[in-house]
Amino acid sequence: MKKSDIAKRMARQSKTSIGQAADCLDRLVQEIVAGLRRGRDASLPGLGKLTVKPNGNLAFDREGTRRRG
């Protein structure tokens, strides 16, 4: 799914313009990235969780699955 697809869906559901929805989406992504840089994990309900590992790398754990090893 592309950013424009997500923005269109957000605009339709929130009854705002596509531009406003795209701006909100950009702010959301910026907040998630800023939190990850500070070492905070980010839960994405329905998708999974972005986790910052001790070495600084990111891991994505899909919701409903478990990582092995």
N, C-alpha and C. Protein backbone atom coordinates (compact mmCIF):
# COMPACT_ATOMS: atom_id res chain seq x y z
N MET A 1 0.84 -1.17 0.00
CA MET A 1 0.00 0.00 0.00
C MET A 1 0.89 1.24 0.00
N LYS A 2 0.56 2.20 -0.80
CA LYS A 2 1.34 3.43 -0.92
C LYS A 2 0.78 4.51 0.01
N LYS A 3 1.63 5.50 0.26
CA LYS A 3 1.21 6.62 1.12
C LYS A 3 -0.08 7.25 0.59
N SER A 4 -0.16 7.43 -0.72
CA SER A 4 -1.35 8.08 -1.28
C SER A 4 -2.62 7.24 -1.04
N ASP A 5 -2.48 5.92 -1.06
CA ASP A 5 -3.63 5.05 -0.78
C ASP A 5 -4.07 5.20 0.67
N ILE A 6 -3.10 5.24 1.57
CA ILE A 6 -3.41 5.40 3.00
C ILE A 6 -4.05 6.77 3.25
N ALA A 7 -3.49 7.81 2.64
CA ALA A 7 -4.03 9.16 2.82
C ALA A 7 -5.46 9.26 2.29
N LYS A 8 -5.74 8.65 1.15
CA LYS A 8 -7.10 8.67 0.61
C LYS A 8 -8.08 7.99 1.55
N ARG A 9 -7.67 6.85 2.09
CA ARG A 9 -8.55 6.13 3.02
C ARG A 9 -8.77 6.94 4.30
N MET A 10 -7.68 7.53 4.82
CA MET A 10 -7.79 8.36 6.02
C MET A 10 -8.72 9.55 5.77
N ALA A 11 -8.57 10.19 4.62
CA ALA A 11 -9.41 11.34 4.28
C ALA A 11 -10.88 10.95 4.20
N ARG A 12 -11.13 9.83 3.57
CA ARG A 12 -12.51 9.36 3.44
C ARG A 12 -13.12 9.07 4.80
N GLN A 13 -12.35 8.39 5.67
CA GLN A 13 -12.88 8.00 6.98
C GLN A 13 -13.03 9.19 7.93
N SER A 14 -12.14 10.18 7.81
CA SER A 14 -12.20 11.32 8.72
C SER A 14 -12.90 12.54 8.11
N LYS A 15 -13.34 12.39 6.86
CA LYS A 15 -14.04 13.47 6.14
C LYS A 15 -13.21 14.75 6.09
N THR A 16 -11.92 14.57 5.77
CA THR A 16 -11.01 15.71 5.57
C THR A 16 -10.44 15.60 4.16
N SER A 17 -9.61 16.57 3.81
CA SER A 17 -9.00 16.53 2.49
C SER A 17 -7.86 15.51 2.46
N ILE A 18 -7.51 15.08 1.28
CA ILE A 18 -6.40 14.14 1.13
C ILE A 18 -5.11 14.80 1.59
N GLY A 19 -4.96 16.10 1.33
CA GLY A 19 -3.77 16.82 1.78
C GLY A 19 -3.63 16.84 3.29
N GLN A 20 -4.74 17.10 3.99
CA GLN A 20 -4.72 17.10 5.46
C GLN A 20 -4.40 15.71 5.99
N ALA A 21 -4.97 14.70 5.38
CA ALA A 21 -4.71 13.33 5.81
C ALA A 21 -3.25 12.96 5.58
N ALA A 22 -2.70 13.38 4.44
CA ALA A 22 -1.29 13.10 4.14
C ALA A 22 -0.38 13.80 5.15
N ASP A 23 -0.73 15.04 5.54
CA ASP A 23 0.05 15.75 6.55
C ASP A 23 0.01 15.02 7.89
N CYS A 24 -1.16 14.54 8.28
CA CYS A 24 -1.28 13.78 9.53
C CYS A 24 -0.46 12.50 9.48
N LEU A 25 -0.48 11.84 8.34
CA LEU A 25 0.30 10.62 8.17
C LEU A 25 1.79 10.91 8.28
N ASP A 26 2.24 12.00 7.66
CA ASP A 26 3.65 12.40 7.77
C ASP A 26 4.04 12.66 9.22
N ARG A 27 3.19 13.38 9.96
CA ARG A 27 3.49 13.66 11.37
C ARG A 27 3.55 12.37 12.18
N LEU A 28 2.64 11.44 11.90
CA LEU A 28 2.64 10.17 12.61
C LEU A 28 3.94 9.41 12.38
N VAL A 29 4.36 9.33 11.13
CA VAL A 29 5.60 8.63 10.80
C VAL A 29 6.79 9.32 11.47
N GLN A 30 6.81 10.65 11.46
CA GLN A 30 7.89 11.39 12.11
C GLN A 30 7.95 11.11 13.61
N GLU A 31 6.79 11.03 14.25
CA GLU A 31 6.74 10.73 15.69
C GLU A 31 7.24 9.32 15.97
N ILE A 32 6.87 8.37 15.15
CA ILE A 32 7.32 6.98 15.32
C ILE A 32 8.83 6.92 15.16
N VAL A 33 9.37 7.55 14.12
CA VAL A 33 10.81 7.53 13.87
C VAL A 33 11.56 8.22 15.01
N ALA A 34 11.04 9.35 15.49
CA ALA A 34 11.69 10.06 16.60
C ALA A 34 11.73 9.19 17.85
N GLY A 35 10.65 8.49 18.13
CA GLY A 35 10.61 7.59 19.28
C GLY A 35 11.59 6.44 19.14
N LEU A 36 11.67 5.87 17.96
CA LEU A 36 12.61 4.78 17.71
C LEU A 36 14.05 5.25 17.90
N ARG A 37 14.34 6.46 17.46
CA ARG A 37 15.69 7.00 17.63
C ARG A 37 16.04 7.20 19.11
N ARG A 38 15.01 7.43 19.93
CA ARG A 38 15.23 7.57 21.37
C ARG A 38 15.21 6.22 22.08
N GLY A 39 15.08 5.14 21.30
CA GLY A 39 15.11 3.80 21.88
C GLY A 39 13.76 3.27 22.32
N ARG A 40 12.69 3.95 21.94
CA ARG A 40 11.35 3.49 22.31
C ARG A 40 10.75 2.61 21.22
N ASP A 41 10.14 1.52 21.64
CA ASP A 41 9.46 0.65 20.69
C ASP A 41 8.18 1.32 20.21
N ALA A 42 7.68 0.87 19.08
CA ALA A 42 6.45 1.42 18.52
C ALA A 42 5.50 0.28 18.17
N SER A 43 4.35 0.26 18.84
CA SER A 43 3.31 -0.73 18.54
C SER A 43 2.41 -0.18 17.44
N LEU A 44 2.12 -1.01 16.47
CA LEU A 44 1.23 -0.66 15.38
C LEU A 44 0.06 -1.65 15.42
N PRO A 45 -1.01 -1.30 16.13
CA PRO A 45 -2.14 -2.23 16.31
C PRO A 45 -2.63 -2.80 14.98
N GLY A 46 -2.79 -4.11 14.97
CA GLY A 46 -3.24 -4.79 13.78
C GLY A 46 -2.12 -5.19 12.84
N LEU A 47 -0.91 -4.64 13.08
CA LEU A 47 0.24 -4.95 12.23
C LEU A 47 1.33 -5.66 13.01
N GLY A 48 1.78 -5.03 14.09
CA GLY A 48 2.88 -5.61 14.86
C GLY A 48 3.60 -4.55 15.66
N LYS A 49 4.87 -4.79 15.91
CA LYS A 49 5.64 -3.90 16.77
C LYS A 49 7.05 -3.73 16.22
N LEU A 50 7.49 -2.47 16.16
CA LEU A 50 8.87 -2.16 15.82
C LEU A 50 9.65 -2.08 17.13
N THR A 51 10.72 -2.84 17.21
CA THR A 51 11.51 -2.92 18.43
C THR A 51 12.95 -2.50 18.14
N VAL A 52 13.49 -1.67 19.03
CA VAL A 52 14.89 -1.28 18.91
C VAL A 52 15.73 -2.29 19.69
N LYS A 53 16.65 -2.95 18.99
CA LYS A 53 17.53 -3.93 19.64
C LYS A 53 18.67 -3.21 20.35
N PRO A 54 19.33 -3.88 21.29
CA PRO A 54 20.44 -3.25 22.02
C PRO A 54 21.55 -2.71 21.12
N ASN A 55 21.75 -3.33 19.96
CA ASN A 55 22.80 -2.86 19.04
C ASN A 55 22.32 -1.71 18.14
N GLY A 56 21.08 -1.25 18.34
CA GLY A 56 20.54 -0.13 17.58
C GLY A 56 19.76 -0.53 16.35
N ASN A 57 19.81 -1.80 15.96
CA ASN A 57 19.04 -2.27 14.81
C ASN A 57 17.57 -2.36 15.16
N LEU A 58 16.73 -2.35 14.14
CA LEU A 58 15.30 -2.47 14.32
C LEU A 58 14.85 -3.88 13.98
N ALA A 59 13.83 -4.33 14.70
CA ALA A 59 13.19 -5.60 14.38
C ALA A 59 11.70 -5.34 14.30
N PHE A 60 11.04 -6.02 13.38
CA PHE A 60 9.58 -5.91 13.27
C PHE A 60 8.99 -7.26 13.59
N ASP A 61 8.18 -7.31 14.63
CA ASP A 61 7.47 -8.53 15.00
C ASP A 61 6.02 -8.39 14.57
N ARG A 62 5.65 -9.19 13.58
CA ARG A 62 4.26 -9.14 13.10
C ARG A 62 3.32 -9.62 14.17
N GLU A 63 2.19 -8.98 14.25
CA GLU A 63 1.18 -9.37 15.22
C GLU A 63 0.68 -10.77 14.90
N GLY A 64 0.56 -11.56 15.93
CA GLY A 64 0.06 -12.92 15.74
C GLY A 64 1.12 -13.94 15.39
N THR A 65 2.38 -13.52 15.32
CA THR A 65 3.46 -14.47 15.05
C THR A 65 4.50 -14.34 16.15
N ARG A 66 5.29 -15.36 16.31
CA ARG A 66 6.36 -15.32 17.30
C ARG A 66 7.68 -15.55 16.58
N ARG A 67 8.69 -14.83 17.05
CA ARG A 67 10.02 -14.99 16.47
C ARG A 67 10.69 -16.19 17.10
N ARG A 68 11.47 -16.88 16.32
CA ARG A 68 12.23 -18.03 16.82
C ARG A 68 13.65 -17.64 17.02
N GLY A 69 14.27 -18.24 18.06
CA GLY A 69 15.71 -18.06 18.28
C GLY A 69 16.02 -16.76 18.84
